[in-house]
N, C-alpha and C. Protein backbone atom coordinates (compact mmCIF):
# COMPACT_ATOMS: atom_id res chain seq x y z
N UNK A 1 87.96 -115.86 109.37
CA UNK A 1 88.49 -117.18 109.62
C UNK A 1 89.99 -117.17 109.88
N UNK A 2 90.70 -116.18 109.39
CA UNK A 2 92.15 -116.13 109.54
C UNK A 2 92.57 -116.01 110.99
N UNK A 3 91.72 -115.47 111.85
CA UNK A 3 92.09 -115.28 113.25
C UNK A 3 91.50 -116.34 114.17
N UNK A 4 91.03 -117.47 113.62
CA UNK A 4 90.49 -118.53 114.46
C UNK A 4 91.62 -119.24 115.19
N UNK A 5 91.34 -119.65 116.39
CA UNK A 5 92.32 -120.34 117.22
C UNK A 5 92.54 -121.77 116.71
N UNK A 6 93.77 -122.14 116.38
CA UNK A 6 94.04 -123.51 115.89
C UNK A 6 93.64 -124.59 116.89
N UNK A 7 93.76 -124.31 118.18
CA UNK A 7 93.37 -125.29 119.20
C UNK A 7 91.87 -125.55 119.16
N UNK A 8 91.07 -124.50 118.97
CA UNK A 8 89.62 -124.69 118.87
C UNK A 8 89.24 -125.44 117.60
N UNK A 9 89.95 -125.19 116.53
CA UNK A 9 89.69 -125.90 115.28
C UNK A 9 89.97 -127.39 115.47
N UNK A 10 91.06 -127.71 116.14
CA UNK A 10 91.41 -129.11 116.41
C UNK A 10 90.37 -129.76 117.32
N UNK A 11 89.91 -129.04 118.33
CA UNK A 11 88.89 -129.58 119.24
C UNK A 11 87.59 -129.85 118.47
N UNK A 12 87.25 -128.97 117.54
CA UNK A 12 86.04 -129.16 116.73
C UNK A 12 86.17 -130.41 115.85
N UNK A 13 87.35 -130.65 115.30
CA UNK A 13 87.58 -131.85 114.48
C UNK A 13 87.41 -133.11 115.31
N UNK A 14 88.00 -133.10 116.52
CA UNK A 14 87.85 -134.27 117.39
C UNK A 14 86.40 -134.48 117.79
N UNK A 15 85.69 -133.40 118.04
CA UNK A 15 84.27 -133.49 118.41
C UNK A 15 83.46 -134.11 117.28
N UNK A 16 83.76 -133.74 116.05
CA UNK A 16 83.03 -134.32 114.92
C UNK A 16 83.24 -135.83 114.85
N UNK A 17 84.48 -136.29 115.09
CA UNK A 17 84.75 -137.73 115.10
C UNK A 17 83.94 -138.43 116.20
N UNK A 18 83.88 -137.80 117.36
CA UNK A 18 83.14 -138.38 118.49
C UNK A 18 81.65 -138.42 118.19
N UNK A 19 81.11 -137.35 117.64
CA UNK A 19 79.68 -137.27 117.35
C UNK A 19 79.29 -138.32 116.30
N UNK A 20 80.19 -138.60 115.37
CA UNK A 20 79.90 -139.62 114.34
C UNK A 20 79.90 -141.04 114.92
N UNK A 21 80.66 -141.28 115.99
CA UNK A 21 80.78 -142.61 116.58
C UNK A 21 80.73 -142.56 118.11
N UNK A 22 79.65 -142.08 118.69
CA UNK A 22 79.61 -141.89 120.14
C UNK A 22 79.72 -143.20 120.93
N UNK A 23 79.40 -144.32 120.33
CA UNK A 23 79.50 -145.59 121.02
C UNK A 23 80.94 -146.02 121.31
N UNK A 24 81.89 -145.37 120.67
CA UNK A 24 83.30 -145.68 120.89
C UNK A 24 83.91 -144.86 122.02
N UNK A 25 83.10 -144.03 122.67
CA UNK A 25 83.60 -143.11 123.69
C UNK A 25 82.72 -143.13 124.93
N UNK A 26 83.24 -142.54 125.99
CA UNK A 26 82.48 -142.34 127.23
C UNK A 26 82.99 -141.07 127.88
N UNK A 27 82.20 -140.53 128.81
CA UNK A 27 82.56 -139.28 129.49
C UNK A 27 82.99 -139.61 130.91
N UNK A 28 84.14 -139.12 131.29
CA UNK A 28 84.64 -139.30 132.66
C UNK A 28 83.79 -138.44 133.60
N UNK A 29 83.30 -139.05 134.65
CA UNK A 29 82.50 -138.30 135.62
C UNK A 29 83.37 -137.58 136.64
N UNK A 30 84.67 -137.79 136.58
CA UNK A 30 85.58 -137.08 137.47
C UNK A 30 86.01 -135.74 136.91
N UNK A 31 86.28 -135.70 135.58
CA UNK A 31 86.81 -134.46 135.00
C UNK A 31 86.08 -134.02 133.74
N UNK A 32 85.04 -134.74 133.33
CA UNK A 32 84.24 -134.42 132.14
C UNK A 32 84.97 -134.61 130.82
N UNK A 33 86.13 -135.26 130.84
CA UNK A 33 86.84 -135.55 129.60
C UNK A 33 86.13 -136.66 128.85
N UNK A 34 86.31 -136.68 127.54
CA UNK A 34 85.81 -137.76 126.72
C UNK A 34 86.98 -138.69 126.44
N UNK A 35 86.79 -139.97 126.73
CA UNK A 35 87.84 -140.96 126.56
C UNK A 35 87.30 -142.13 125.74
N UNK A 36 88.22 -142.94 125.23
CA UNK A 36 87.83 -144.13 124.48
C UNK A 36 87.07 -145.09 125.39
N UNK A 37 86.10 -145.77 124.84
CA UNK A 37 85.27 -146.67 125.65
C UNK A 37 86.07 -147.83 126.22
N UNK A 38 87.21 -148.16 125.64
CA UNK A 38 87.99 -149.31 126.11
C UNK A 38 88.81 -149.03 127.37
N UNK A 39 89.01 -147.77 127.74
CA UNK A 39 89.83 -147.49 128.93
C UNK A 39 89.03 -147.78 130.19
N UNK A 40 89.74 -148.19 131.23
CA UNK A 40 89.05 -148.47 132.49
C UNK A 40 89.32 -147.40 133.54
N UNK A 41 90.38 -146.61 133.35
CA UNK A 41 90.72 -145.51 134.25
C UNK A 41 91.02 -144.28 133.39
N UNK A 42 90.45 -143.15 133.76
CA UNK A 42 90.66 -141.92 133.00
C UNK A 42 92.15 -141.56 133.01
N UNK A 43 92.74 -141.34 131.84
CA UNK A 43 94.16 -140.98 131.79
C UNK A 43 94.44 -139.57 132.35
N UNK A 44 93.41 -138.76 132.48
CA UNK A 44 93.60 -137.39 132.95
C UNK A 44 93.49 -137.25 134.47
N UNK A 45 92.45 -137.86 135.05
CA UNK A 45 92.22 -137.66 136.48
C UNK A 45 92.23 -138.97 137.28
N UNK A 46 92.36 -140.09 136.59
CA UNK A 46 92.42 -141.42 137.20
C UNK A 46 91.10 -141.87 137.83
N UNK A 47 90.02 -141.25 137.44
CA UNK A 47 88.71 -141.69 137.90
C UNK A 47 88.34 -142.98 137.19
N UNK A 48 87.44 -143.73 137.76
CA UNK A 48 86.97 -144.96 137.16
C UNK A 48 85.45 -144.96 136.96
N UNK A 49 84.83 -143.79 137.08
CA UNK A 49 83.38 -143.66 136.90
C UNK A 49 83.12 -142.94 135.58
N UNK A 50 82.26 -143.52 134.74
CA UNK A 50 82.02 -142.99 133.41
C UNK A 50 80.54 -143.00 133.07
N UNK A 51 80.16 -142.11 132.17
CA UNK A 51 78.82 -142.09 131.59
C UNK A 51 78.96 -142.63 130.16
N UNK A 52 78.20 -143.68 129.84
CA UNK A 52 78.29 -144.33 128.54
C UNK A 52 77.20 -143.91 127.57
N UNK A 53 76.15 -143.26 128.06
CA UNK A 53 75.02 -142.90 127.23
C UNK A 53 75.47 -142.08 126.02
N UNK A 54 75.13 -142.53 124.82
CA UNK A 54 75.61 -141.88 123.61
C UNK A 54 75.14 -140.43 123.48
N UNK A 55 73.92 -140.15 123.89
CA UNK A 55 73.44 -138.76 123.80
C UNK A 55 74.22 -137.85 124.75
N UNK A 56 74.62 -138.38 125.89
CA UNK A 56 75.44 -137.62 126.84
C UNK A 56 76.82 -137.36 126.25
N UNK A 57 77.39 -138.37 125.60
CA UNK A 57 78.70 -138.23 124.96
C UNK A 57 78.64 -137.16 123.87
N UNK A 58 77.61 -137.19 123.05
CA UNK A 58 77.45 -136.21 121.97
C UNK A 58 77.32 -134.80 122.55
N UNK A 59 76.49 -134.66 123.56
CA UNK A 59 76.31 -133.34 124.20
C UNK A 59 77.63 -132.81 124.75
N UNK A 60 78.39 -133.67 125.42
CA UNK A 60 79.67 -133.25 126.00
C UNK A 60 80.66 -132.87 124.90
N UNK A 61 80.69 -133.61 123.81
CA UNK A 61 81.58 -133.29 122.69
C UNK A 61 81.24 -131.92 122.12
N UNK A 62 79.96 -131.62 122.00
CA UNK A 62 79.54 -130.31 121.48
C UNK A 62 79.96 -129.19 122.42
N UNK A 63 79.81 -129.42 123.71
CA UNK A 63 80.21 -128.40 124.70
C UNK A 63 81.72 -128.16 124.64
N UNK A 64 82.48 -129.25 124.67
CA UNK A 64 83.94 -129.11 124.70
C UNK A 64 84.50 -128.52 123.41
N UNK A 65 83.81 -128.74 122.30
CA UNK A 65 84.32 -128.22 121.02
C UNK A 65 84.23 -126.71 120.92
N UNK A 66 83.43 -126.09 121.77
CA UNK A 66 83.22 -124.64 121.68
C UNK A 66 84.04 -123.82 122.66
N UNK A 67 84.84 -124.49 123.49
CA UNK A 67 85.61 -123.72 124.47
C UNK A 67 87.05 -124.19 124.53
N UNK A 68 87.88 -123.34 125.07
CA UNK A 68 89.29 -123.67 125.25
C UNK A 68 89.43 -124.80 126.26
N UNK A 69 90.51 -125.54 126.15
CA UNK A 69 90.79 -126.59 127.12
C UNK A 69 91.11 -125.99 128.47
N UNK A 70 90.48 -126.52 129.51
CA UNK A 70 90.68 -126.02 130.87
C UNK A 70 91.44 -127.03 131.73
N UNK A 71 91.36 -128.28 131.36
CA UNK A 71 91.92 -129.33 132.20
C UNK A 71 93.38 -129.62 131.86
N UNK A 72 94.07 -130.16 132.83
CA UNK A 72 95.44 -130.62 132.64
C UNK A 72 95.35 -132.06 132.16
N UNK A 73 96.03 -132.35 131.06
CA UNK A 73 96.03 -133.71 130.52
C UNK A 73 97.41 -134.33 130.68
N UNK A 74 97.50 -135.62 130.48
CA UNK A 74 98.77 -136.35 130.70
C UNK A 74 99.93 -135.73 129.92
N UNK A 75 99.69 -135.28 128.70
CA UNK A 75 100.77 -134.68 127.90
C UNK A 75 101.34 -133.41 128.55
N UNK A 76 100.52 -132.70 129.28
CA UNK A 76 100.98 -131.48 129.95
C UNK A 76 101.99 -131.77 131.05
N UNK A 77 102.00 -132.99 131.54
CA UNK A 77 102.85 -133.35 132.68
C UNK A 77 104.19 -133.93 132.27
N UNK A 78 104.40 -134.11 130.99
CA UNK A 78 105.66 -134.69 130.51
C UNK A 78 106.79 -133.68 130.49
């Protein structure tokens, strides 16, 4: 456990929050990011198409929690 990647640990924590409350999130169909259900435009890729199905959100959270981040997010551009 001492050599676990802190970024993966953080992603796993976020995934657990999402899995517990999938109705509060949706998956961007432009970049596969998980965003809050209240947003109307993805903050990462500016897409406006989303998947709201809770089982899809849970599946995506599980996938993303097991791999390194690949996408560029808004914080990376600051």
